Amino acid sequence: MVQAYILIKVEAGKTKDIMEQLRSLPAVERAHSVTGPTDLIAVVVAEDARALADLVFRSVQTISGVKETDTRIVVDG
């Protein structure tokens, strides 16, 4: 299993809607709106690196209003 944090920048006014959509994805354990240069952080678990890439490219980045993602794979924990 691969665990990762996905840092997400969104269009103004879309944070709550996108957070709800993220929380509906089976691979998303948690999603929170945060302060700073990133608008949302999602904690995700995928079967392997390929499944993680598929989640990011086909599910998260295709949500209307998502401007940018930055994925950080957990290496210890």
Protein backbone atom coordinates (compact mmCIF):
# COMPACT_ATOMS: atom_id res chain seq x y z
CA MET A 1 0.00 0.00 0.00
CA VAL A 2 1.09 3.55 -0.74
CA GLN A 3 0.03 6.45 1.47
CA ALA A 4 0.35 10.03 0.22
CA TYR A 5 -0.64 13.61 0.86
CA ILE A 6 -2.10 15.50 -2.09
CA LEU A 7 -1.77 19.28 -1.76
CA ILE A 8 -4.37 20.99 -3.91
CA LYS A 9 -4.82 24.56 -5.15
CA VAL A 10 -8.36 25.42 -6.22
CA GLU A 11 -10.27 28.23 -7.88
CA ALA A 12 -11.72 30.88 -5.55
CA GLY A 13 -15.04 29.88 -4.06
CA LYS A 14 -14.66 26.16 -4.89
CA THR A 15 -12.92 24.88 -1.75
CA LYS A 16 -15.93 23.44 0.07
CA ASP A 17 -17.40 21.78 -3.02
CA ILE A 18 -14.09 20.21 -4.01
CA MET A 19 -13.43 19.02 -0.45
CA GLU A 20 -16.80 17.21 -0.44
CA GLN A 21 -16.01 15.59 -3.79
CA LEU A 22 -12.61 14.47 -2.51
CA ARG A 23 -14.15 12.95 0.62
CA SER A 24 -16.45 10.86 -1.58
CA LEU A 25 -13.52 9.13 -3.30
CA PRO A 26 -12.83 5.67 -1.76
CA ALA A 27 -9.04 6.19 -1.66
CA VAL A 28 -9.31 9.45 0.32
CA GLU A 29 -8.99 8.85 4.06
CA ARG A 30 -9.26 12.54 5.00
CA ALA A 31 -9.48 15.91 3.29
CA HIS A 32 -9.08 19.28 4.99
CA SER A 33 -9.04 22.91 3.95
CA VAL A 34 -5.88 24.60 5.19
CA THR A 35 -4.20 27.99 5.31
CA GLY A 36 -1.12 28.87 3.30
CA PRO A 37 -0.20 28.43 -0.35
CA THR A 38 -2.29 25.24 -0.62
CA ASP A 39 -6.08 25.28 -0.26
CA LEU A 40 -6.75 21.60 0.49
CA ILE A 41 -4.80 18.58 1.70
CA ALA A 42 -6.05 15.05 1.09
CA VAL A 43 -4.61 11.98 2.81
CA VAL A 44 -4.93 9.04 0.44
CA VAL A 45 -4.11 5.35 0.31
CA ALA A 46 -3.61 3.43 -2.93
CA GLU A 47 -2.67 -0.13 -3.76
CA ASP A 48 0.58 0.89 -5.47
CA ALA A 49 2.27 3.78 -7.28
CA ARG A 50 0.30 3.14 -10.47
CA ALA A 51 -3.01 3.29 -8.58
CA LEU A 52 -1.88 6.49 -6.88
CA ALA A 53 -1.02 8.09 -10.22
CA ASP A 54 -4.39 7.00 -11.59
CA LEU A 55 -6.15 8.57 -8.58
CA VAL A 56 -4.32 11.87 -9.02
CA PHE A 57 -4.56 12.13 -12.81
CA ARG A 58 -8.03 10.66 -13.42
CA SER A 59 -9.93 11.56 -10.25
CA VAL A 60 -8.44 14.52 -8.39
CA GLN A 61 -7.14 16.61 -11.28
CA THR A 62 -10.36 16.19 -13.24
CA ILE A 63 -12.53 17.75 -10.51
CA SER A 64 -13.85 21.06 -11.80
CA GLY A 65 -12.06 23.93 -10.06
CA VAL A 66 -8.82 22.08 -9.24
CA LYS A 67 -5.96 24.25 -10.49
CA GLU A 68 -2.87 22.39 -9.30
CA THR A 69 -1.85 19.30 -7.33
CA ASP A 70 1.36 18.39 -5.54
CA THR A 71 1.60 14.77 -4.36
CA ARG A 72 3.87 13.75 -1.51
CA ILE A 73 4.36 10.01 -0.94
CA VAL A 74 4.87 8.93 2.65
CA VAL A 75 8.20 7.12 3.00
CA ASP A 76 8.23 6.45 6.75
CA GLY A 77 5.27 6.21 8.99
